[in-house]
Amino acid sequence: MDKERKKWRAIIHIIIDVILFLSKQNLFFRDRREDFDSQNQGNFLETVKLIAKYNLVMNDHLSHMQVSKKRMSTYLSPTIQNQLIELLGKKVKNLILKEIKETAYF
């Protein structure tokens, strides 16, 4: 159970890092065609695939995802991306509000 939790935590951390990187660079996330046969799957999935070349956990995750015929959580969908972006945005907003409240003048 602990090993599985660590695996999913590592996957989520990688996905969040990719989201932060693409956002910081002001790059688009998705492309029109994102199936695994497509040559260009958009910046998000292509970056995840690049990381998977050097990260065993993400490599196993992508490999298992391609082989498995049953539905499984991948955390690579536009829905989860939007949810994570919204959560990260709220975090940034709260940090800004905290700084404003702590300063004497604004």
N, C-alpha and C. Protein backbone atom coordinates (compact mmCIF):
# COMPACT_ATOMS: atom_id res chain seq x y z
N MET A 1 0.83 -1.19 0.00
CA MET A 1 0.00 0.00 0.00
C MET A 1 0.88 1.26 0.00
N ASP A 2 1.93 1.27 0.80
CA ASP A 2 2.81 2.42 0.89
C ASP A 2 3.55 2.63 -0.44
N LYS A 3 3.95 1.53 -1.08
CA LYS A 3 4.65 1.60 -2.36
C LYS A 3 3.74 2.20 -3.44
N GLU A 4 2.49 1.78 -3.43
CA GLU A 4 1.51 2.31 -4.39
C GLU A 4 1.26 3.80 -4.16
N ARG A 5 1.16 4.20 -2.91
CA ARG A 5 0.96 5.61 -2.57
C ARG A 5 2.15 6.45 -3.04
N LYS A 6 3.35 5.96 -2.84
CA LYS A 6 4.55 6.68 -3.28
C LYS A 6 4.58 6.82 -4.79
N LYS A 7 4.16 5.75 -5.49
CA LYS A 7 4.14 5.78 -6.96
C LYS A 7 3.19 6.87 -7.44
N TRP A 8 1.97 6.90 -6.93
CA TRP A 8 0.98 7.89 -7.37
C TRP A 8 1.39 9.29 -6.96
N ARG A 9 2.00 9.43 -5.82
CA ARG A 9 2.48 10.75 -5.39
C ARG A 9 3.56 11.26 -6.35
N ALA A 10 4.45 10.37 -6.77
CA ALA A 10 5.50 10.75 -7.72
C ALA A 10 4.90 11.15 -9.06
N ILE A 11 3.89 10.42 -9.51
CA ILE A 11 3.23 10.74 -10.78
C ILE A 11 2.57 12.11 -10.71
N ILE A 12 1.85 12.36 -9.63
CA ILE A 12 1.18 13.66 -9.47
C ILE A 12 2.20 14.80 -9.41
N HIS A 13 3.32 14.58 -8.71
CA HIS A 13 4.36 15.62 -8.63
C HIS A 13 4.92 15.94 -10.02
N ILE A 14 5.14 14.93 -10.81
CA ILE A 14 5.65 15.15 -12.17
C ILE A 14 4.63 15.93 -12.99
N ILE A 15 3.38 15.54 -12.90
CA ILE A 15 2.33 16.22 -13.66
C ILE A 15 2.22 17.69 -13.23
N ILE A 16 2.28 17.94 -11.94
CA ILE A 16 2.23 19.33 -11.45
C ILE A 16 3.44 20.11 -11.94
N ASP A 17 4.61 19.49 -11.93
CA ASP A 17 5.81 20.17 -12.42
C ASP A 17 5.68 20.52 -13.90
N VAL A 18 5.11 19.62 -14.69
CA VAL A 18 4.90 19.89 -16.12
C VAL A 18 3.92 21.05 -16.29
N ILE A 19 2.85 21.05 -15.52
CA ILE A 19 1.87 22.14 -15.58
C ILE A 19 2.52 23.47 -15.21
N LEU A 20 3.31 23.48 -14.16
CA LEU A 20 3.99 24.71 -13.74
C LEU A 20 4.97 25.19 -14.81
N PHE A 21 5.71 24.25 -15.40
CA PHE A 21 6.67 24.61 -16.44
C PHE A 21 5.98 25.21 -17.65
N LEU A 22 4.95 24.54 -18.15
CA LEU A 22 4.26 25.05 -19.34
C LEU A 22 3.59 26.40 -19.07
N SER A 23 3.04 26.55 -17.86
CA SER A 23 2.41 27.81 -17.49
C SER A 23 3.44 28.94 -17.42
N LYS A 24 4.56 28.65 -16.79
CA LYS A 24 5.62 29.65 -16.65
C LYS A 24 6.14 30.09 -18.01
N GLN A 25 6.23 29.15 -18.95
CA GLN A 25 6.74 29.45 -20.29
C GLN A 25 5.65 29.98 -21.22
N ASN A 26 4.41 30.05 -20.69
CA ASN A 26 3.26 30.53 -21.46
C ASN A 26 3.04 29.71 -22.74
N LEU A 27 3.13 28.40 -22.60
CA LEU A 27 2.94 27.48 -23.72
C LEU A 27 1.58 26.82 -23.64
N PHE A 28 1.02 26.49 -24.80
CA PHE A 28 -0.25 25.77 -24.80
C PHE A 28 -0.03 24.34 -24.33
N PHE A 29 -1.05 23.74 -23.79
CA PHE A 29 -0.95 22.40 -23.21
C PHE A 29 -1.31 21.32 -24.22
N ARG A 30 -2.36 21.53 -24.95
CA ARG A 30 -2.96 20.46 -25.73
C ARG A 30 -2.87 20.73 -27.23
N ASP A 31 -3.04 19.65 -27.98
CA ASP A 31 -3.12 19.73 -29.43
C ASP A 31 -4.45 19.12 -29.87
N ARG A 32 -4.76 19.23 -31.14
CA ARG A 32 -6.05 18.71 -31.61
C ARG A 32 -6.15 17.20 -31.53
N ARG A 33 -5.07 16.51 -31.83
CA ARG A 33 -5.08 15.04 -31.84
C ARG A 33 -4.12 14.54 -30.79
N GLU A 34 -4.63 13.80 -29.81
CA GLU A 34 -3.78 13.38 -28.71
C GLU A 34 -3.72 11.88 -28.51
N ASP A 35 -4.24 11.11 -29.46
CA ASP A 35 -4.16 9.67 -29.29
C ASP A 35 -2.70 9.22 -29.42
N PHE A 36 -2.40 8.01 -28.98
CA PHE A 36 -1.01 7.57 -28.95
C PHE A 36 -0.41 7.33 -30.32
N ASP A 37 -1.24 7.34 -31.37
CA ASP A 37 -0.72 7.18 -32.73
C ASP A 37 -0.28 8.50 -33.34
N SER A 38 -0.69 9.60 -32.74
CA SER A 38 -0.41 10.93 -33.27
C SER A 38 1.08 11.27 -33.14
N GLN A 39 1.59 12.01 -34.13
CA GLN A 39 2.99 12.42 -34.10
C GLN A 39 3.25 13.51 -33.07
N ASN A 40 2.30 14.44 -32.92
CA ASN A 40 2.45 15.53 -31.95
C ASN A 40 1.21 15.54 -31.05
N GLN A 41 1.40 15.23 -29.81
CA GLN A 41 0.28 15.13 -28.88
C GLN A 41 0.13 16.39 -28.02
N GLY A 42 0.79 17.44 -28.37
CA GLY A 42 0.71 18.67 -27.59
C GLY A 42 1.84 18.75 -26.59
N ASN A 43 2.08 19.94 -26.09
CA ASN A 43 3.21 20.16 -25.19
C ASN A 43 3.13 19.36 -23.90
N PHE A 44 1.92 19.26 -23.34
CA PHE A 44 1.78 18.55 -22.06
C PHE A 44 2.19 17.08 -22.19
N LEU A 45 1.54 16.37 -23.10
CA LEU A 45 1.82 14.93 -23.22
C LEU A 45 3.23 14.67 -23.75
N GLU A 46 3.70 15.52 -24.65
CA GLU A 46 5.07 15.33 -25.16
C GLU A 46 6.10 15.56 -24.06
N THR A 47 5.85 16.52 -23.17
CA THR A 47 6.77 16.75 -22.04
C THR A 47 6.72 15.59 -21.07
N VAL A 48 5.53 15.07 -20.81
CA VAL A 48 5.40 13.90 -19.93
C VAL A 48 6.15 12.71 -20.53
N LYS A 49 6.03 12.52 -21.85
CA LYS A 49 6.75 11.42 -22.51
C LYS A 49 8.26 11.61 -22.42
N LEU A 50 8.73 12.86 -22.54
CA LEU A 50 10.15 13.15 -22.41
C LEU A 50 10.65 12.79 -21.01
N ILE A 51 9.90 13.20 -20.01
CA ILE A 51 10.27 12.88 -18.62
C ILE A 51 10.26 11.37 -18.41
N ALA A 52 9.32 10.68 -19.03
CA ALA A 52 9.21 9.22 -18.88
C ALA A 52 10.45 8.50 -19.41
N LYS A 53 11.15 9.12 -20.35
CA LYS A 53 12.39 8.50 -20.86
C LYS A 53 13.44 8.38 -19.76
N TYR A 54 13.39 9.29 -18.78
CA TYR A 54 14.42 9.35 -17.75
C TYR A 54 13.90 9.03 -16.35
N ASN A 55 12.59 8.82 -16.23
CA ASN A 55 11.99 8.55 -14.94
C ASN A 55 11.25 7.23 -15.01
N LEU A 56 11.71 6.27 -14.24
CA LEU A 56 11.16 4.91 -14.29
C LEU A 56 9.69 4.85 -13.88
N VAL A 57 9.31 5.63 -12.88
CA VAL A 57 7.92 5.61 -12.41
C VAL A 57 6.97 6.07 -13.51
N MET A 58 7.30 7.19 -14.15
CA MET A 58 6.44 7.70 -15.21
C MET A 58 6.49 6.80 -16.44
N ASN A 59 7.63 6.23 -16.71
CA ASN A 59 7.76 5.30 -17.83
C ASN A 59 6.85 4.09 -17.62
N ASP A 60 6.88 3.52 -16.42
CA ASP A 60 6.00 2.39 -16.11
C ASP A 60 4.54 2.78 -16.21
N HIS A 61 4.22 3.97 -15.75
CA HIS A 61 2.84 4.46 -15.80
C HIS A 61 2.34 4.56 -17.24
N LEU A 62 3.14 5.17 -18.11
CA LEU A 62 2.73 5.31 -19.51
C LEU A 62 2.68 3.96 -20.21
N SER A 63 3.63 3.09 -19.92
CA SER A 63 3.64 1.76 -20.53
C SER A 63 2.41 0.96 -20.12
N HIS A 64 2.11 0.99 -18.85
CA HIS A 64 0.94 0.26 -18.34
C HIS A 64 -0.34 0.83 -18.93
N MET A 65 -0.37 2.13 -19.09
CA MET A 65 -1.55 2.80 -19.64
C MET A 65 -1.79 2.37 -21.09
N GLN A 66 -0.74 2.21 -21.88
CA GLN A 66 -0.87 1.81 -23.28
C GLN A 66 -1.27 0.34 -23.41
N VAL A 67 -0.77 -0.50 -22.52
CA VAL A 67 -1.02 -1.94 -22.60
C VAL A 67 -2.39 -2.30 -22.03
N SER A 68 -2.77 -1.66 -20.94
CA SER A 68 -4.00 -2.00 -20.23
C SER A 68 -5.23 -1.65 -21.06
N LYS A 69 -6.14 -2.60 -21.14
CA LYS A 69 -7.39 -2.37 -21.86
C LYS A 69 -8.49 -1.84 -20.94
N LYS A 70 -8.34 -2.04 -19.65
CA LYS A 70 -9.36 -1.56 -18.72
C LYS A 70 -9.13 -0.08 -18.43
N ARG A 71 -10.20 0.57 -18.02
CA ARG A 71 -10.11 1.99 -17.67
C ARG A 71 -9.34 2.14 -16.37
N MET A 72 -8.42 3.08 -16.38
CA MET A 72 -7.64 3.34 -15.18
C MET A 72 -7.38 4.84 -15.07
N SER A 73 -7.07 5.27 -13.89
CA SER A 73 -6.74 6.68 -13.68
C SER A 73 -5.35 6.94 -14.25
N THR A 74 -5.26 7.97 -15.08
CA THR A 74 -3.96 8.31 -15.65
C THR A 74 -3.49 9.69 -15.19
N TYR A 75 -4.43 10.54 -14.82
CA TYR A 75 -4.15 11.93 -14.42
C TYR A 75 -3.53 12.73 -15.56
N LEU A 76 -3.82 12.34 -16.80
CA LEU A 76 -3.29 13.05 -17.96
C LEU A 76 -4.38 13.72 -18.78
N SER A 77 -5.61 13.67 -18.32
CA SER A 77 -6.73 14.22 -19.09
C SER A 77 -6.82 15.73 -18.93
N PRO A 78 -7.51 16.39 -19.86
CA PRO A 78 -7.71 17.84 -19.73
C PRO A 78 -8.46 18.21 -18.45
N THR A 79 -9.34 17.34 -17.99
CA THR A 79 -10.12 17.62 -16.79
C THR A 79 -9.22 17.75 -15.57
N ILE A 80 -8.33 16.80 -15.36
CA ILE A 80 -7.45 16.85 -14.19
C ILE A 80 -6.47 18.00 -14.33
N GLN A 81 -6.03 18.29 -15.55
CA GLN A 81 -5.14 19.43 -15.76
C GLN A 81 -5.83 20.72 -15.32
N ASN A 82 -7.07 20.90 -15.75
CA ASN A 82 -7.80 22.11 -15.39
C ASN A 82 -8.02 22.19 -13.88
N GLN A 83 -8.30 21.07 -13.25
CA GLN A 83 -8.49 21.06 -11.80
C GLN A 83 -7.19 21.43 -11.08
N LEU A 84 -6.07 20.88 -11.54
CA LEU A 84 -4.78 21.20 -10.93
C LEU A 84 -4.39 22.66 -11.17
N ILE A 85 -4.66 23.17 -12.37
CA ILE A 85 -4.37 24.57 -12.67
C ILE A 85 -5.20 25.47 -11.75
N GLU A 86 -6.46 25.12 -11.56
CA GLU A 86 -7.32 25.91 -10.67
C GLU A 86 -6.81 25.89 -9.23
N LEU A 87 -6.39 24.72 -8.75
CA LEU A 87 -5.85 24.62 -7.39
C LEU A 87 -4.56 25.42 -7.24
N LEU A 88 -3.68 25.33 -8.24
CA LEU A 88 -2.43 26.08 -8.20
C LEU A 88 -2.70 27.58 -8.26
N GLY A 89 -3.69 27.99 -9.06
CA GLY A 89 -4.07 29.39 -9.15
C GLY A 89 -4.58 29.93 -7.82
N LYS A 90 -5.37 29.12 -7.12
CA LYS A 90 -5.87 29.53 -5.81
C LYS A 90 -4.73 29.68 -4.82
N LYS A 91 -3.76 28.79 -4.91
CA LYS A 91 -2.60 28.85 -4.02
C LYS A 91 -1.82 30.16 -4.24
N VAL A 92 -1.60 30.50 -5.51
CA VAL A 92 -0.88 31.73 -5.84
C VAL A 92 -1.67 32.95 -5.36
N LYS A 93 -2.97 32.93 -5.60
CA LYS A 93 -3.82 34.04 -5.17
C LYS A 93 -3.76 34.22 -3.66
N ASN A 94 -3.82 33.12 -2.91
CA ASN A 94 -3.75 33.19 -1.45
C ASN A 94 -2.40 33.73 -0.97
N LEU A 95 -1.32 33.33 -1.64
CA LEU A 95 0.00 33.85 -1.28
C LEU A 95 0.09 35.36 -1.53
N ILE A 96 -0.47 35.81 -2.64
CA ILE A 96 -0.46 37.25 -2.94
C ILE A 96 -1.28 38.01 -1.90
N LEU A 97 -2.46 37.50 -1.58
CA LEU A 97 -3.30 38.15 -0.57
C LEU A 97 -2.62 38.20 0.78
N LYS A 98 -1.91 37.14 1.13
CA LYS A 98 -1.19 37.10 2.40
C LYS A 98 -0.10 38.17 2.43
N GLU A 99 0.64 38.32 1.34
CA GLU A 99 1.68 39.35 1.27
C GLU A 99 1.08 40.74 1.37
N ILE A 100 -0.05 40.96 0.72
CA ILE A 100 -0.70 42.27 0.77
C ILE A 100 -1.13 42.59 2.19
N LYS A 101 -1.69 41.63 2.88
CA LYS A 101 -2.17 41.86 4.24
C LYS A 101 -1.02 42.11 5.22
N GLU A 102 0.15 41.55 4.93
CA GLU A 102 1.31 41.70 5.82
C GLU A 102 2.06 43.01 5.61
N THR A 103 1.84 43.67 4.48
CA THR A 103 2.55 44.92 4.22
C THR A 103 1.79 46.09 4.85
N ALA A 104 2.53 47.11 5.21
CA ALA A 104 1.92 48.28 5.82
C ALA A 104 1.19 49.13 4.80
N TYR A 105 1.71 49.22 3.59
CA TYR A 105 1.13 50.07 2.56
C TYR A 105 0.90 49.23 1.30
N PHE A 106 -0.20 49.52 0.66
CA PHE A 106 -0.48 48.88 -0.63
C PHE A 106 -1.11 49.89 -1.54
